[in-house]
Amino acid sequence: MDPKKAVEMVDENTICVAAILGSTLTGEYEDVKLLNDLLVAKNKETGWDVPIHVDAASGGFIAPFLQPELEWDFRLPLVKSINVSGHKYGLVYPGVGWVIWRSKADLPDELIFHINYLGTDQPTFTLNFSKGASQIIAQYYQLIRLGFEGYKHIMENCKLNAAVLKEGIDATGR
C-alpha cells in the first residue's frame, strides 16, 4: 500500500485504514508510521477521526524482537487496534489469533454480541458456541516459557535461516 494514495482515498465514510505488517507472501511491512503521520494531518484538516488498524498477523511476533525501534504499534496515536496470529510466529498450532484495542472505548459496541448463557448476559467479540481453550493455554505457555528474550532468539534464528535459504536459492541462478 502506498500511504499517500491510501490517505488521498479517505473520505467522510471511511471507518479506518488498515495497514499490513508482514505480508504473507513477501514478509514486507507497510509504512505504518508514514500512514499515521499523513492521516493525522488529514484528520486535522477535515475534522474527521479516521483511525488505523494494523494487521500484524505475520509481523506482530517478528517486529518487536527484530526491529524494536520500528514504530508500527500503539506508540502511534492513530493505531487503535492490532491483530496478531499466534499460530504463525507465536509458535502455537493453528487456531489462535489475537486482536488488541488501544482502549475499551476503541471497540465499537456494534461489534459486541450479547448472548444469554445460563441466565446472564455474556458480551463477546469472538465467535459463539463451544470451543476449546487449548490454543489459548498453549500461547500462554509459550509466552511464559520463552519470554521476550526467548522469542527474540527464535526470531533471530529464523532470520538467519531465511538468509541461508535465500543464498542457496540465489546460487541456483533461477
C-alpha atoms as a PDB file:
ATOM      1  CA  MET A   1       0.000   0.000   0.000  1.00  0.00           C
ATOM      2  CA  ASP A   2       1.168   3.478  -0.814  1.00  0.00           C
ATOM      3  CA  PRO A   3       0.290   5.509   2.323  1.00  0.00           C
ATOM      4  CA  LYS A   4      -0.063   8.749   0.320  1.00  0.00           C
ATOM      5  CA  LYS A   5      -2.559   7.188  -2.102  1.00  0.00           C
ATOM      6  CA  ALA A   6      -4.409   5.487   0.745  1.00  0.00           C
ATOM      7  CA  VAL A   7      -4.869   8.752   2.644  1.00  0.00           C
ATOM      8  CA  GLU A   8      -5.965  10.514  -0.555  1.00  0.00           C
ATOM      9  CA  MET A   9      -8.837   7.994  -0.780  1.00  0.00           C
ATOM     10  CA  VAL A  10     -10.009   8.626   2.792  1.00  0.00           C
ATOM     11  CA  ASP A  11     -13.357  10.401   2.939  1.00  0.00           C
ATOM     12  CA  GLU A  12     -16.142  11.075   5.444  1.00  0.00           C
ATOM     13  CA  ASN A  13     -17.348   7.465   5.081  1.00  0.00           C
ATOM     14  CA  THR A  14     -14.011   5.838   5.928  1.00  0.00           C
ATOM     15  CA  ILE A  15     -14.179   3.872   9.185  1.00  0.00           C
ATOM     16  CA  CYS A  16     -10.451   3.070   9.339  1.00  0.00           C
ATOM     17  CA  VAL A  17      -7.356   2.455   7.255  1.00  0.00           C
ATOM     18  CA  ALA A  18      -5.736  -0.969   7.608  1.00  0.00           C
ATOM     19  CA  ALA A  19      -2.008  -1.481   7.209  1.00  0.00           C
ATOM     20  CA  ILE A  20      -0.263  -4.836   6.916  1.00  0.00           C
ATOM     21  CA  LEU A  21       2.806  -5.558   8.990  1.00  0.00           C
ATOM     22  CA  GLY A  22       4.287  -8.656   7.407  1.00  0.00           C
ATOM     23  CA  SER A  23       2.815  -9.709   4.080  1.00  0.00           C
ATOM     24  CA  THR A  24       2.165 -13.445   3.970  1.00  0.00           C
ATOM     25  CA  LEU A  25       3.867 -13.734   0.574  1.00  0.00           C
ATOM     26  CA  THR A  26       6.886 -11.456   0.966  1.00  0.00           C
ATOM     27  CA  GLY A  27       7.149 -10.558   4.647  1.00  0.00           C
ATOM     28  CA  GLU A  28       7.221  -6.860   3.732  1.00  0.00           C
ATOM     29  CA  TYR A  29       5.911  -4.233   6.127  1.00  0.00           C
ATOM     30  CA  GLU A  30       3.716  -1.362   5.041  1.00  0.00           C
ATOM     31  CA  ASP A  31       4.848   2.024   6.371  1.00  0.00           C
ATOM     32  CA  VAL A  32       2.507   2.430   9.341  1.00  0.00           C
ATOM     33  CA  LYS A  33       4.429   5.444  10.694  1.00  0.00           C
ATOM     34  CA  LEU A  34       4.068   7.388   7.439  1.00  0.00           C
ATOM     35  CA  LEU A  35       0.411   6.377   7.197  1.00  0.00           C
ATOM     36  CA  ASN A  36      -0.145   7.636  10.752  1.00  0.00           C
ATOM     37  CA  ASP A  37       1.586  10.962  10.090  1.00  0.00           C
ATOM     38  CA  LEU A  38      -0.353  11.599   6.872  1.00  0.00           C
ATOM     39  CA  LEU A  39      -3.634  10.581   8.471  1.00  0.00           C
ATOM     40  CA  VAL A  40      -3.025  12.840  11.486  1.00  0.00           C
ATOM     41  CA  ALA A  41      -2.721  15.775   9.059  1.00  0.00           C
ATOM     42  CA  LYS A  42      -5.825  14.699   7.088  1.00  0.00           C
ATOM     43  CA  ASN A  43      -7.878  14.318  10.276  1.00  0.00           C
ATOM     44  CA  LYS A  44      -6.741  17.746  11.494  1.00  0.00           C
ATOM     45  CA  GLU A  45      -7.556  19.346   8.143  1.00  0.00           C
ATOM     46  CA  THR A  46     -11.021  17.778   7.866  1.00  0.00           C
ATOM     47  CA  GLY A  47     -12.111  17.355  11.475  1.00  0.00           C
ATOM     48  CA  TRP A  48     -12.516  13.617  10.917  1.00  0.00           C
ATOM     49  CA  ASP A  49     -11.324  10.909  13.284  1.00  0.00           C
ATOM     50  CA  VAL A  50     -10.151   8.099  10.997  1.00  0.00           C
ATOM     51  CA  PRO A  51      -8.074   5.532  12.917  1.00  0.00           C
ATOM     52  CA  ILE A  52      -5.632   2.813  11.837  1.00  0.00           C
ATOM     53  CA  HIS A  53      -5.901  -0.959  12.259  1.00  0.00           C
ATOM     54  CA  VAL A  54      -2.642  -2.902  11.922  1.00  0.00           C
ATOM     55  CA  ASP A  55      -2.926  -6.411  10.527  1.00  0.00           C
ATOM     56  CA  ALA A  56       0.205  -7.816  12.136  1.00  0.00           C
ATOM     57  CA  ALA A  57      -0.788 -11.456  11.658  1.00  0.00           C
ATOM     58  CA  SER A  58       2.722 -12.303  10.472  1.00  0.00           C
ATOM     59  CA  GLY A  59       4.828  -9.354  11.629  1.00  0.00           C
ATOM     60  CA  GLY A  60       3.402  -8.938  15.117  1.00  0.00           C
ATOM     61  CA  PHE A  61       5.650 -11.631  16.544  1.00  0.00           C
ATOM     62  CA  ILE A  62       8.653 -10.553  14.442  1.00  0.00           C
ATOM     63  CA  ALA A  63       8.949  -6.746  14.535  1.00  0.00           C
ATOM     64  CA  PRO A  64       9.047  -6.371  18.343  1.00  0.00           C
ATOM     65  CA  PHE A  65      12.007  -8.746  18.521  1.00  0.00           C
ATOM     66  CA  LEU A  66      13.989  -7.910  15.372  1.00  0.00           C
ATOM     67  CA  GLN A  67      13.140  -4.217  14.859  1.00  0.00           C
ATOM     68  CA  PRO A  68      12.126  -2.843  18.277  1.00  0.00           C
ATOM     69  CA  GLU A  69      12.751   0.732  17.090  1.00  0.00           C
ATOM     70  CA  LEU A  70      10.190   0.387  14.272  1.00  0.00           C
ATOM     71  CA  GLU A  71       7.074   2.432  15.066  1.00  0.00           C
ATOM     72  CA  TRP A  72       4.021   0.492  13.939  1.00  0.00           C
ATOM     73  CA  ASP A  73       2.112  -0.118  17.162  1.00  0.00           C
ATOM     74  CA  PHE A  74       0.346   1.818  19.929  1.00  0.00           C
ATOM     75  CA  ARG A  75       3.246   4.270  20.062  1.00  0.00           C
ATOM     76  CA  LEU A  76       1.456   5.871  17.091  1.00  0.00           C
ATOM     77  CA  PRO A  77      -1.640   7.800  18.202  1.00  0.00           C
ATOM     78  CA  LEU A  78      -3.962   6.668  15.405  1.00  0.00           C
ATOM     79  CA  VAL A  79      -3.285   2.941  15.807  1.00  0.00           C
ATOM     80  CA  LYS A  80      -6.417   1.798  17.627  1.00  0.00           C
ATOM     81  CA  SER A  81      -6.275  -1.966  17.055  1.00  0.00           C
ATOM     82  CA  ILE A  82      -3.752  -4.649  16.165  1.00  0.00           C
ATOM     83  CA  ASN A  83      -4.272  -8.293  15.296  1.00  0.00           C
ATOM     84  CA  VAL A  84      -1.614 -10.987  15.591  1.00  0.00           C
ATOM     85  CA  SER A  85      -1.721 -14.681  14.715  1.00  0.00           C
ATOM     86  CA  GLY A  86      -0.347 -16.843  17.486  1.00  0.00           C
ATOM     87  CA  HIS A  87      -0.335 -19.788  15.106  1.00  0.00           C
ATOM     88  CA  LYS A  88       2.281 -18.201  12.883  1.00  0.00           C
ATOM     89  CA  TYR A  89       5.342 -16.814  14.650  1.00  0.00           C
ATOM     90  CA  GLY A  90       3.705 -17.020  18.068  1.00  0.00           C
ATOM     91  CA  LEU A  91       4.692 -20.698  17.889  1.00  0.00           C
ATOM     92  CA  VAL A  92       1.284 -22.214  18.622  1.00  0.00           C
ATOM     93  CA  TYR A  93      -0.658 -24.657  16.474  1.00  0.00           C
ATOM     94  CA  PRO A  94      -3.437 -23.332  14.187  1.00  0.00           C
ATOM     95  CA  GLY A  95      -6.495 -21.698  15.570  1.00  0.00           C
ATOM     96  CA  VAL A  96      -5.334 -18.848  17.773  1.00  0.00           C
ATOM     97  CA  GLY A  97      -5.252 -15.190  16.904  1.00  0.00           C
ATOM     98  CA  TRP A  98      -5.401 -12.022  18.918  1.00  0.00           C
ATOM     99  CA  VAL A  99      -6.881  -8.612  18.413  1.00  0.00           C
ATOM    100  CA  ILE A 100      -5.968  -5.901  20.876  1.00  0.00           C
ATOM    101  CA  TRP A 101      -7.532  -2.450  21.125  1.00  0.00           C
ATOM    102  CA  ARG A 102      -5.758   0.593  22.494  1.00  0.00           C
ATOM    103  CA  SER A 103      -8.625   1.044  24.943  1.00  0.00           C
ATOM    104  CA  LYS A 104     -12.066  -0.394  25.575  1.00  0.00           C
ATOM    105  CA  ALA A 105     -13.540   2.793  24.085  1.00  0.00           C
ATOM    106  CA  ASP A 106     -11.969   1.881  20.718  1.00  0.00           C
ATOM    107  CA  LEU A 107     -14.010  -1.339  20.414  1.00  0.00           C
ATOM    108  CA  PRO A 108     -17.338  -0.240  18.909  1.00  0.00           C
ATOM    109  CA  ASP A 109     -20.432  -1.514  20.707  1.00  0.00           C
ATOM    110  CA  GLU A 110     -21.787  -2.615  17.324  1.00  0.00           C
ATOM    111  CA  LEU A 111     -19.096  -5.312  17.164  1.00  0.00           C
ATOM    112  CA  ILE A 112     -20.025  -6.869  20.510  1.00  0.00           C
ATOM    113  CA  PHE A 113     -22.504  -9.736  20.586  1.00  0.00           C
ATOM    114  CA  HIS A 114     -24.659 -10.194  23.664  1.00  0.00           C
ATOM    115  CA  ILE A 115     -25.716 -13.745  24.376  1.00  0.00           C
ATOM    116  CA  ASN A 116     -27.697 -15.099  27.285  1.00  0.00           C
ATOM    117  CA  TYR A 117     -25.799 -18.017  28.730  1.00  0.00           C
ATOM    118  CA  LEU A 118     -27.033 -19.725  31.878  1.00  0.00           C
ATOM    119  CA  GLY A 119     -29.233 -16.756  32.658  1.00  0.00           C
ATOM    120  CA  THR A 120     -26.658 -13.985  32.407  1.00  0.00           C
ATOM    121  CA  ASP A 121     -25.586 -11.584  29.698  1.00  0.00           C
ATOM    122  CA  GLN A 122     -22.261 -12.579  28.165  1.00  0.00           C
ATOM    123  CA  PRO A 123     -20.837  -9.824  25.951  1.00  0.00           C
ATOM    124  CA  THR A 124     -18.354 -11.268  23.479  1.00  0.00           C
ATOM    125  CA  PHE A 125     -16.399 -10.279  20.404  1.00  0.00           C
ATOM    126  CA  THR A 126     -15.430 -13.804  19.476  1.00  0.00           C
ATOM    127  CA  LEU A 127     -17.272 -16.495  17.573  1.00  0.00           C
ATOM    128  CA  ASN A 128     -20.027 -18.032  19.653  1.00  0.00           C
ATOM    129  CA  PHE A 129     -20.604 -21.645  20.636  1.00  0.00           C
ATOM    130  CA  SER A 130     -18.318 -24.222  22.172  1.00  0.00           C
ATOM    131  CA  LYS A 131     -14.625 -24.052  21.577  1.00  0.00           C
ATOM    132  CA  GLY A 132     -11.635 -25.468  23.337  1.00  0.00           C
ATOM    133  CA  ALA A 133      -9.081 -23.401  25.180  1.00  0.00           C
ATOM    134  CA  SER A 134      -6.031 -25.435  24.177  1.00  0.00           C
ATOM    135  CA  GLN A 135      -4.673 -22.779  21.807  1.00  0.00           C
ATOM    136  CA  ILE A 136      -5.001 -20.066  24.427  1.00  0.00           C
ATOM    137  CA  ILE A 137      -3.297 -22.245  27.020  1.00  0.00           C
ATOM    138  CA  ALA A 138      -0.545 -23.112  24.528  1.00  0.00           C
ATOM    139  CA  GLN A 139       0.015 -19.431  23.710  1.00  0.00           C
ATOM    140  CA  TYR A 140       0.124 -18.533  27.391  1.00  0.00           C
ATOM    141  CA  TYR A 141       2.651 -21.315  27.958  1.00  0.00           C
ATOM    142  CA  GLN A 142       4.868 -20.111  25.106  1.00  0.00           C
ATOM    143  CA  LEU A 143       4.752 -16.503  26.298  1.00  0.00           C
ATOM    144  CA  ILE A 144       5.682 -17.507  29.856  1.00  0.00           C
ATOM    145  CA  ARG A 145       8.241 -20.143  28.820  1.00  0.00           C
ATOM    146  CA  LEU A 146      10.061 -18.110  26.178  1.00  0.00           C
ATOM    147  CA  GLY A 147       9.560 -14.542  27.345  1.00  0.00           C
ATOM    148  CA  PHE A 148      10.926 -11.631  25.337  1.00  0.00           C
ATOM    149  CA  GLU A 149      14.477 -12.972  25.156  1.00  0.00           C
ATOM    150  CA  GLY A 150      13.336 -16.423  24.036  1.00  0.00           C
ATOM    151  CA  TYR A 151      11.170 -15.063  21.226  1.00  0.00           C
ATOM    152  CA  LYS A 152      13.976 -12.697  20.231  1.00  0.00           C
ATOM    153  CA  HIS A 153      16.428 -15.602  19.977  1.00  0.00           C
ATOM    154  CA  ILE A 154      13.992 -17.665  17.890  1.00  0.00           C
ATOM    155  CA  MET A 155      13.218 -14.773  15.525  1.00  0.00           C
ATOM    156  CA  GLU A 156      16.936 -14.030  15.087  1.00  0.00           C
ATOM    157  CA  ASN A 157      17.467 -17.705  14.212  1.00  0.00           C
ATOM    158  CA  CYS A 158      14.557 -17.599  11.722  1.00  0.00           C
ATOM    159  CA  LYS A 159      16.137 -14.541  10.096  1.00  0.00           C
ATOM    160  CA  LEU A 160      19.495 -16.322   9.780  1.00  0.00           C
ATOM    161  CA  ASN A 161      17.799 -19.406   8.319  1.00  0.00           C
ATOM    162  CA  ALA A 162      15.966 -17.228   5.792  1.00  0.00           C
ATOM    163  CA  ALA A 163      19.268 -15.622   4.737  1.00  0.00           C
ATOM    164  CA  VAL A 164      20.895 -19.040   4.243  1.00  0.00           C
ATOM    165  CA  LEU A 165      17.889 -20.250   2.261  1.00  0.00           C
ATOM    166  CA  LYS A 166      17.925 -17.105   0.099  1.00  0.00           C
ATOM    167  CA  GLU A 167      21.633 -17.541  -0.575  1.00  0.00           C
ATOM    168  CA  GLY A 168      21.064 -21.146  -1.644  1.00  0.00           C
ATOM    169  CA  ILE A 169      18.171 -20.244  -3.926  1.00  0.00           C
ATOM    170  CA  ASP A 170      20.143 -17.357  -5.447  1.00  0.00           C
ATOM    171  CA  ALA A 171      23.038 -19.750  -6.107  1.00  0.00           C
ATOM    172  CA  THR A 172      20.814 -21.860  -8.361  1.00  0.00           C
ATOM    173  CA  GLY A 173      20.701 -18.957 -10.820  1.00  0.00           C
ATOM    174  CA  ARG A 174      16.966 -19.215 -11.253  1.00  0.00           C
END
